[in-house]
Amino acid sequence: MNEYSVIRFFNQFIKTIKNDIKNVGIITDKDGTLLLNDDLKVALKDFREKELGANIYIIANSGRTVQDMINCLEEENIPLNYFDYIIGDNGGMCLDVKSNKQIYKHLIDRNITNHIIQKFLENGGKLSDIRLADGERIFAYPTKEAKQYYRNTKNVIFTEAIEQLEDIEITKLTLTGTHEQISEINRYIRENIKGYKTHLGRTFFPEKSRNNYRLDFTRNAYKR
């Protein structure tokens, strides 16, 4: 959806809001699904201020951690309070921006995380291809490639004990590997672990040249 069609959508949507609609949420993926350029900011500001008889909420939503999204917004000079809520880790954590309070954090059971990691390693996965997130921080193995990959990311903690982090609250587990490895671990999760979801895709981690695949494992709250 390009910029013009997004603005046209909002203008058309205004006409469809009826009196029984009390709350409207506009959810944008910070990674580029909806670009926050000046024209769109004006359109959204007008949308907020119209007498619609409904509360308008703008929500930033991403697979990134909440803190990583905050850092990116600051770097791009986008005011944090442009958003009402920030959702990170594919639905793992939600921040109320105005009150700076955590609305929720959907945690993964540590025993389940350990079990999946063990299955991944048994299937040829590497410790260096495992990453964990707690809604704010990313935990990664300290390889040269990983440090280069995260060179511009502030909230990364490098540790060689990636599989032994018993004291953190896990909101997302990310595994990286070949298409075969990721497909196999995804099949295993779907057949044996209930109440959780996976999201698969290509990844540049730790290097673009490796043509790796990625699996994100989260609670069944998935970006909402």
C-alpha atoms as a PDB file:
ATOM      1  CA  MET A   1       0.000   0.000   0.000  1.00  0.00           C
ATOM      2  CA  ASN A   2       1.602   3.291  -1.093  1.00  0.00           C
ATOM      3  CA  GLU A   3       1.391   6.632   0.681  1.00  0.00           C
ATOM      4  CA  TYR A   4      -1.473   7.983  -1.453  1.00  0.00           C
ATOM      5  CA  SER A   5      -3.638   4.891  -1.020  1.00  0.00           C
ATOM      6  CA  VAL A   6      -3.055   4.898   2.763  1.00  0.00           C
ATOM      7  CA  ILE A   7      -4.222   8.505   3.065  1.00  0.00           C
ATOM      8  CA  ARG A   8      -7.196   7.779   0.813  1.00  0.00           C
ATOM      9  CA  PHE A   9      -8.035   4.803   3.015  1.00  0.00           C
ATOM     10  CA  PHE A  10      -8.118   6.984   6.128  1.00  0.00           C
ATOM     11  CA  ASN A  11     -10.335   9.551   4.442  1.00  0.00           C
ATOM     12  CA  GLN A  12     -12.746   6.830   3.343  1.00  0.00           C
ATOM     13  CA  PHE A  13     -12.647   5.166   6.752  1.00  0.00           C
ATOM     14  CA  ILE A  14     -13.745   8.402   8.419  1.00  0.00           C
ATOM     15  CA  LYS A  15     -16.988   8.192   6.477  1.00  0.00           C
ATOM     16  CA  THR A  16     -17.697   4.671   7.716  1.00  0.00           C
ATOM     17  CA  ILE A  17     -17.272   5.264  11.457  1.00  0.00           C
ATOM     18  CA  LYS A  18     -20.639   5.040  13.147  1.00  0.00           C
ATOM     19  CA  ASN A  19     -21.795   6.169  16.557  1.00  0.00           C
ATOM     20  CA  ASP A  20     -21.463   2.713  18.106  1.00  0.00           C
ATOM     21  CA  ILE A  21     -17.705   2.586  17.364  1.00  0.00           C
ATOM     22  CA  LYS A  22     -15.942   3.941  20.438  1.00  0.00           C
ATOM     23  CA  ASN A  23     -12.311   2.952  19.842  1.00  0.00           C
ATOM     24  CA  VAL A  24     -10.232   2.834  16.658  1.00  0.00           C
ATOM     25  CA  GLY A  25      -6.682   1.458  16.537  1.00  0.00           C
ATOM     26  CA  ILE A  26      -4.290   2.249  13.688  1.00  0.00           C
ATOM     27  CA  ILE A  27      -1.500  -0.343  13.790  1.00  0.00           C
ATOM     28  CA  THR A  28       1.697   0.310  11.877  1.00  0.00           C
ATOM     29  CA  ASP A  29       4.713  -1.950  11.517  1.00  0.00           C
ATOM     30  CA  LYS A  30       7.721   0.183  12.438  1.00  0.00           C
ATOM     31  CA  ASP A  31       9.851  -1.758   9.933  1.00  0.00           C
ATOM     32  CA  GLY A  32       8.214  -0.153   6.931  1.00  0.00           C
ATOM     33  CA  THR A  33       4.679  -1.424   6.379  1.00  0.00           C
ATOM     34  CA  LEU A  34       3.452   2.099   6.934  1.00  0.00           C
ATOM     35  CA  LEU A  35       5.999   4.884   6.400  1.00  0.00           C
ATOM     36  CA  LEU A  36       5.808   7.795   8.812  1.00  0.00           C
ATOM     37  CA  ASN A  37       6.685  10.641   6.466  1.00  0.00           C
ATOM     38  CA  ASP A  38       5.472  14.224   6.917  1.00  0.00           C
ATOM     39  CA  ASP A  39       2.399  13.938   4.678  1.00  0.00           C
ATOM     40  CA  LEU A  40       1.166  10.842   6.436  1.00  0.00           C
ATOM     41  CA  LYS A  41       1.778  12.375   9.853  1.00  0.00           C
ATOM     42  CA  VAL A  42      -0.467  15.284   8.862  1.00  0.00           C
ATOM     43  CA  ALA A  43      -3.166  12.885   7.648  1.00  0.00           C
ATOM     44  CA  LEU A  44      -3.057  10.902  10.874  1.00  0.00           C
ATOM     45  CA  LYS A  45      -3.094  14.084  12.967  1.00  0.00           C
ATOM     46  CA  ASP A  46      -6.204  15.274  11.134  1.00  0.00           C
ATOM     47  CA  PHE A  47      -7.736  11.843  11.596  1.00  0.00           C
ATOM     48  CA  ARG A  48      -7.159  12.043  15.355  1.00  0.00           C
ATOM     49  CA  GLU A  49      -8.608  15.540  15.670  1.00  0.00           C
ATOM     50  CA  LYS A  50     -11.811  15.083  13.694  1.00  0.00           C
ATOM     51  CA  GLU A  51     -15.021  14.875  15.694  1.00  0.00           C
ATOM     52  CA  LEU A  52     -15.580  11.179  15.096  1.00  0.00           C
ATOM     53  CA  GLY A  53     -17.085  10.267  18.442  1.00  0.00           C
ATOM     54  CA  ALA A  54     -14.374   7.620  18.859  1.00  0.00           C
ATOM     55  CA  ASN A  55     -10.998   7.369  20.548  1.00  0.00           C
ATOM     56  CA  ILE A  56      -8.145   7.055  18.027  1.00  0.00           C
ATOM     57  CA  TYR A  57      -5.033   5.071  18.985  1.00  0.00           C
ATOM     58  CA  ILE A  58      -1.862   4.785  16.902  1.00  0.00           C
ATOM     59  CA  ILE A  59       0.106   1.628  17.674  1.00  0.00           C
ATOM     60  CA  ALA A  60       3.622   0.744  16.535  1.00  0.00           C
ATOM     61  CA  ASN A  61       3.961  -3.006  16.039  1.00  0.00           C
ATOM     62  CA  SER A  62       7.033  -5.093  15.216  1.00  0.00           C
ATOM     63  CA  GLY A  63       8.988  -8.286  15.699  1.00  0.00           C
ATOM     64  CA  ARG A  64      11.744  -6.129  17.204  1.00  0.00           C
ATOM     65  CA  THR A  65      12.019  -5.544  20.940  1.00  0.00           C
ATOM     66  CA  VAL A  66      10.193  -2.527  22.346  1.00  0.00           C
ATOM     67  CA  GLN A  67      13.483  -0.899  23.306  1.00  0.00           C
ATOM     68  CA  ASP A  68      14.953  -1.434  19.847  1.00  0.00           C
ATOM     69  CA  MET A  69      11.922   0.291  18.359  1.00  0.00           C
ATOM     70  CA  ILE A  70      12.305   3.199  20.775  1.00  0.00           C
ATOM     71  CA  ASN A  71      15.969   3.526  19.795  1.00  0.00           C
ATOM     72  CA  CYS A  72      15.065   3.516  16.085  1.00  0.00           C
ATOM     73  CA  LEU A  73      12.388   6.176  16.554  1.00  0.00           C
ATOM     74  CA  GLU A  74      14.870   8.406  18.362  1.00  0.00           C
ATOM     75  CA  GLU A  75      17.480   7.931  15.629  1.00  0.00           C
ATOM     76  CA  GLU A  76      14.910   8.826  12.952  1.00  0.00           C
ATOM     77  CA  ASN A  77      13.729  11.883  14.951  1.00  0.00           C
ATOM     78  CA  ILE A  78      10.198  10.517  15.232  1.00  0.00           C
ATOM     79  CA  PRO A  79       8.705  11.664  18.569  1.00  0.00           C
ATOM     80  CA  LEU A  80       7.975   8.707  20.800  1.00  0.00           C
ATOM     81  CA  ASN A  81       4.639  10.197  21.869  1.00  0.00           C
ATOM     82  CA  TYR A  82       3.468  10.053  18.267  1.00  0.00           C
ATOM     83  CA  PHE A  83       2.352   6.562  19.301  1.00  0.00           C
ATOM     84  CA  ASP A  84      -0.060   5.563  22.046  1.00  0.00           C
ATOM     85  CA  TYR A  85       1.312   2.040  22.367  1.00  0.00           C
ATOM     86  CA  ILE A  86       4.374   0.106  21.182  1.00  0.00           C
ATOM     87  CA  ILE A  87       4.118  -3.666  20.711  1.00  0.00           C
ATOM     88  CA  GLY A  88       7.334  -5.635  20.278  1.00  0.00           C
ATOM     89  CA  ASP A  89       8.603  -9.202  19.938  1.00  0.00           C
ATOM     90  CA  ASN A  90       5.664 -10.303  17.766  1.00  0.00           C
ATOM     91  CA  GLY A  91       3.207  -9.487  20.541  1.00  0.00           C
ATOM     92  CA  GLY A  92       5.498 -10.441  23.410  1.00  0.00           C
ATOM     93  CA  MET A  93       5.413  -7.042  25.130  1.00  0.00           C
ATOM     94  CA  CYS A  94       3.310  -3.878  25.001  1.00  0.00           C
ATOM     95  CA  LEU A  95       4.282  -0.437  26.322  1.00  0.00           C
ATOM     96  CA  ASP A  96       1.847   2.379  27.104  1.00  0.00           C
ATOM     97  CA  VAL A  97       3.885   5.307  25.784  1.00  0.00           C
ATOM     98  CA  LYS A  98       2.128   8.132  27.621  1.00  0.00           C
ATOM     99  CA  SER A  99       2.417   6.551  31.055  1.00  0.00           C
ATOM    100  CA  ASN A 100       5.676   4.718  30.204  1.00  0.00           C
ATOM    101  CA  LYS A 101       4.178   1.599  31.761  1.00  0.00           C
ATOM    102  CA  GLN A 102       4.280  -1.988  30.582  1.00  0.00           C
ATOM    103  CA  ILE A 103       0.767  -3.146  29.666  1.00  0.00           C
ATOM    104  CA  TYR A 104       1.685  -6.794  29.383  1.00  0.00           C
ATOM    105  CA  LYS A 105       4.565  -9.177  28.793  1.00  0.00           C
ATOM    106  CA  HIS A 106       3.757 -12.624  27.373  1.00  0.00           C
ATOM    107  CA  LEU A 107       6.480 -14.878  28.734  1.00  0.00           C
ATOM    108  CA  ILE A 108       7.679 -18.190  27.329  1.00  0.00           C
ATOM    109  CA  ASP A 109       8.007 -21.064  29.765  1.00  0.00           C
ATOM    110  CA  ARG A 110      11.735 -21.596  30.389  1.00  0.00           C
ATOM    111  CA  ASN A 111      11.386 -25.400  30.257  1.00  0.00           C
ATOM    112  CA  ILE A 112       9.834 -25.144  26.806  1.00  0.00           C
ATOM    113  CA  THR A 113      12.592 -22.800  25.629  1.00  0.00           C
ATOM    114  CA  ASN A 114      15.262 -25.206  26.874  1.00  0.00           C
ATOM    115  CA  HIS A 115      13.520 -28.120  25.154  1.00  0.00           C
ATOM    116  CA  ILE A 116      13.351 -26.344  21.788  1.00  0.00           C
ATOM    117  CA  ILE A 117      16.986 -25.235  22.029  1.00  0.00           C
ATOM    118  CA  GLN A 118      18.042 -28.816  22.752  1.00  0.00           C
ATOM    119  CA  LYS A 119      16.091 -30.097  19.732  1.00  0.00           C
ATOM    120  CA  PHE A 120      17.648 -27.385  17.578  1.00  0.00           C
ATOM    121  CA  LEU A 121      21.179 -28.335  18.660  1.00  0.00           C
ATOM    122  CA  GLU A 122      20.465 -32.044  18.129  1.00  0.00           C
ATOM    123  CA  ASN A 123      19.387 -31.199  14.566  1.00  0.00           C
ATOM    124  CA  GLY A 124      22.706 -29.524  13.757  1.00  0.00           C
ATOM    125  CA  GLY A 125      21.912 -26.005  14.982  1.00  0.00           C
ATOM    126  CA  LYS A 126      24.633 -23.874  16.550  1.00  0.00           C
ATOM    127  CA  LEU A 127      24.678 -21.929  19.818  1.00  0.00           C
ATOM    128  CA  SER A 128      25.769 -18.899  17.819  1.00  0.00           C
ATOM    129  CA  ASP A 129      22.495 -19.097  15.870  1.00  0.00           C
ATOM    130  CA  ILE A 130      20.300 -18.794  18.980  1.00  0.00           C
ATOM    131  CA  ARG A 131      18.995 -15.462  20.216  1.00  0.00           C
ATOM    132  CA  LEU A 132      16.671 -14.591  23.095  1.00  0.00           C
ATOM    133  CA  ALA A 133      14.709 -11.433  23.888  1.00  0.00           C
ATOM    134  CA  ASP A 134      13.032 -10.172  27.056  1.00  0.00           C
ATOM    135  CA  GLY A 135      10.996  -7.374  25.477  1.00  0.00           C
ATOM    136  CA  GLU A 136      13.784  -4.845  25.956  1.00  0.00           C
ATOM    137  CA  ARG A 137      17.088  -6.621  25.442  1.00  0.00           C
ATOM    138  CA  ILE A 138      18.458  -9.110  22.915  1.00  0.00           C
ATOM    139  CA  PHE A 139      20.824 -11.851  24.081  1.00  0.00           C
ATOM    140  CA  ALA A 140      23.207 -13.240  21.466  1.00  0.00           C
ATOM    141  CA  TYR A 141      26.343 -15.360  21.244  1.00  0.00           C
ATOM    142  CA  PRO A 142      29.477 -13.157  20.926  1.00  0.00           C
ATOM    143  CA  THR A 143      30.717 -14.113  17.476  1.00  0.00           C
ATOM    144  CA  LYS A 144      32.500 -11.612  15.260  1.00  0.00           C
ATOM    145  CA  GLU A 145      29.613 -11.774  12.771  1.00  0.00           C
ATOM    146  CA  ALA A 146      26.960 -11.193  15.441  1.00  0.00           C
ATOM    147  CA  LYS A 147      28.820  -8.176  16.827  1.00  0.00           C
ATOM    148  CA  GLN A 148      29.055  -6.748  13.328  1.00  0.00           C
ATOM    149  CA  TYR A 149      25.367  -7.438  12.671  1.00  0.00           C
ATOM    150  CA  TYR A 150      24.339  -5.636  15.881  1.00  0.00           C
ATOM    151  CA  ARG A 151      26.948  -2.881  15.646  1.00  0.00           C
ATOM    152  CA  ASN A 152      24.286  -0.157  15.586  1.00  0.00           C
ATOM    153  CA  THR A 153      21.954  -1.755  18.126  1.00  0.00           C
ATOM    154  CA  LYS A 154      22.251  -0.503  21.705  1.00  0.00           C
ATOM    155  CA  ASN A 155      20.275  -3.083  23.634  1.00  0.00           C
ATOM    156  CA  VAL A 156      22.230  -6.275  22.856  1.00  0.00           C
ATOM    157  CA  ILE A 157      23.949  -8.392  25.503  1.00  0.00           C
ATOM    158  CA  PHE A 158      26.543 -10.858  24.240  1.00  0.00           C
ATOM    159  CA  THR A 159      27.004 -14.033  26.268  1.00  0.00           C
ATOM    160  CA  GLU A 160      28.543 -17.444  25.654  1.00  0.00           C
ATOM    161  CA  ALA A 161      26.017 -18.950  28.089  1.00  0.00           C
ATOM    162  CA  ILE A 162      23.094 -18.313  25.745  1.00  0.00           C
ATOM    163  CA  GLU A 163      21.457 -21.641  26.679  1.00  0.00           C
ATOM    164  CA  GLN A 164      21.873 -21.056  30.442  1.00  0.00           C
ATOM    165  CA  LEU A 165      20.150 -17.705  30.948  1.00  0.00           C
ATOM    166  CA  GLU A 166      17.797 -18.872  33.678  1.00  0.00           C
ATOM    167  CA  ASP A 167      17.194 -15.464  35.247  1.00  0.00           C
ATOM    168  CA  ILE A 168      15.691 -13.549  32.295  1.00  0.00           C
ATOM    169  CA  GLU A 169      12.043 -13.251  31.271  1.00  0.00           C
ATOM    170  CA  ILE A 170      11.867 -14.603  27.725  1.00  0.00           C
ATOM    171  CA  THR A 171       9.404 -13.041  25.295  1.00  0.00           C
ATOM    172  CA  LYS A 172      10.905 -14.412  22.086  1.00  0.00           C
ATOM    173  CA  LEU A 173      13.272 -17.168  20.996  1.00  0.00           C
ATOM    174  CA  THR A 174      14.910 -16.811  17.562  1.00  0.00           C
ATOM    175  CA  LEU A 175      16.681 -19.631  15.767  1.00  0.00           C
ATOM    176  CA  THR A 176      18.679 -19.268  12.558  1.00  0.00           C
ATOM    177  CA  GLY A 177      19.839 -21.982  10.178  1.00  0.00           C
ATOM    178  CA  THR A 178      19.378 -23.698   6.867  1.00  0.00           C
ATOM    179  CA  HIS A 179      15.941 -24.064   5.318  1.00  0.00           C
ATOM    180  CA  GLU A 180      15.974 -27.744   6.263  1.00  0.00           C
ATOM    181  CA  GLN A 181      16.900 -27.088   9.905  1.00  0.00           C
ATOM    182  CA  ILE A 182      14.317 -24.359  10.378  1.00  0.00           C
ATOM    183  CA  SER A 183      11.574 -26.320   8.617  1.00  0.00           C
ATOM    184  CA  GLU A 184      12.261 -29.359  10.780  1.00  0.00           C
ATOM    185  CA  ILE A 185      12.204 -27.464  14.091  1.00  0.00           C
ATOM    186  CA  ASN A 186       9.076 -25.621  12.982  1.00  0.00           C
ATOM    187  CA  ARG A 187       7.361 -28.934  12.186  1.00  0.00           C
ATOM    188  CA  TYR A 188       8.356 -30.290  15.589  1.00  0.00           C
ATOM    189  CA  ILE A 189       7.005 -27.233  17.418  1.00  0.00           C
ATOM    190  CA  ARG A 190       3.695 -27.255  15.574  1.00  0.00           C
ATOM    191  CA  GLU A 191       3.156 -30.953  16.245  1.00  0.00           C
ATOM    192  CA  ASN A 192       4.267 -31.050  19.875  1.00  0.00           C
ATOM    193  CA  ILE A 193       3.996 -27.638  21.568  1.00  0.00           C
ATOM    194  CA  LYS A 194       0.610 -25.973  22.045  1.00  0.00           C
ATOM    195  CA  GLY A 195      -0.167 -22.395  23.019  1.00  0.00           C
ATOM    196  CA  TYR A 196       2.733 -20.927  21.081  1.00  0.00           C
ATOM    197  CA  LYS A 197       3.338 -19.646  17.558  1.00  0.00           C
ATOM    198  CA  THR A 198       6.181 -19.537  15.074  1.00  0.00           C
ATOM    199  CA  HIS A 199       7.021 -17.020  12.376  1.00  0.00           C
ATOM    200  CA  LEU A 200       9.421 -18.003   9.593  1.00  0.00           C
ATOM    201  CA  GLY A 201      11.358 -15.937   7.094  1.00  0.00           C
ATOM    202  CA  ARG A 202      14.673 -15.176   5.451  1.00  0.00           C
ATOM    203  CA  THR A 203      17.283 -13.389   7.532  1.00  0.00           C
ATOM    204  CA  PHE A 204      20.551 -11.522   7.041  1.00  0.00           C
ATOM    205  CA  PHE A 205      21.775 -12.814  10.427  1.00  0.00           C
ATOM    206  CA  PRO A 206      24.641 -13.280  10.955  1.00  0.00           C
ATOM    207  CA  GLU A 207      25.661 -12.505   7.367  1.00  0.00           C
ATOM    208  CA  LYS A 208      23.629 -11.895   4.226  1.00  0.00           C
ATOM    209  CA  SER A 209      25.849 -14.245   2.209  1.00  0.00           C
ATOM    210  CA  ARG A 210      24.780 -17.278   4.236  1.00  0.00           C
ATOM    211  CA  ASN A 211      21.214 -17.109   2.886  1.00  0.00           C
ATOM    212  CA  ASN A 212      19.857 -18.214   6.264  1.00  0.00           C
ATOM    213  CA  TYR A 213      16.311 -18.785   7.452  1.00  0.00           C
ATOM    214  CA  ARG A 214      14.855 -17.600  10.746  1.00  0.00           C
ATOM    215  CA  LEU A 215      12.260 -18.922  13.172  1.00  0.00           C
ATOM    216  CA  ASP A 216      10.717 -16.654  15.815  1.00  0.00           C
ATOM    217  CA  PHE A 217       9.000 -18.507  18.655  1.00  0.00           C
ATOM    218  CA  THR A 218       6.543 -16.615  20.879  1.00  0.00           C
ATOM    219  CA  ARG A 219       3.454 -17.078  23.005  1.00  0.00           C
ATOM    220  CA  ASN A 220       0.159 -17.363  21.155  1.00  0.00           C
ATOM    221  CA  ALA A 221      -0.440 -13.615  21.339  1.00  0.00           C
ATOM    222  CA  TYR A 222       1.319 -12.909  18.045  1.00  0.00           C
ATOM    223  CA  LYS A 223       1.593  -9.195  17.325  1.00  0.00           C
ATOM    224  CA  ARG A 224      -1.687  -8.178  18.851  1.00  0.00           C
END
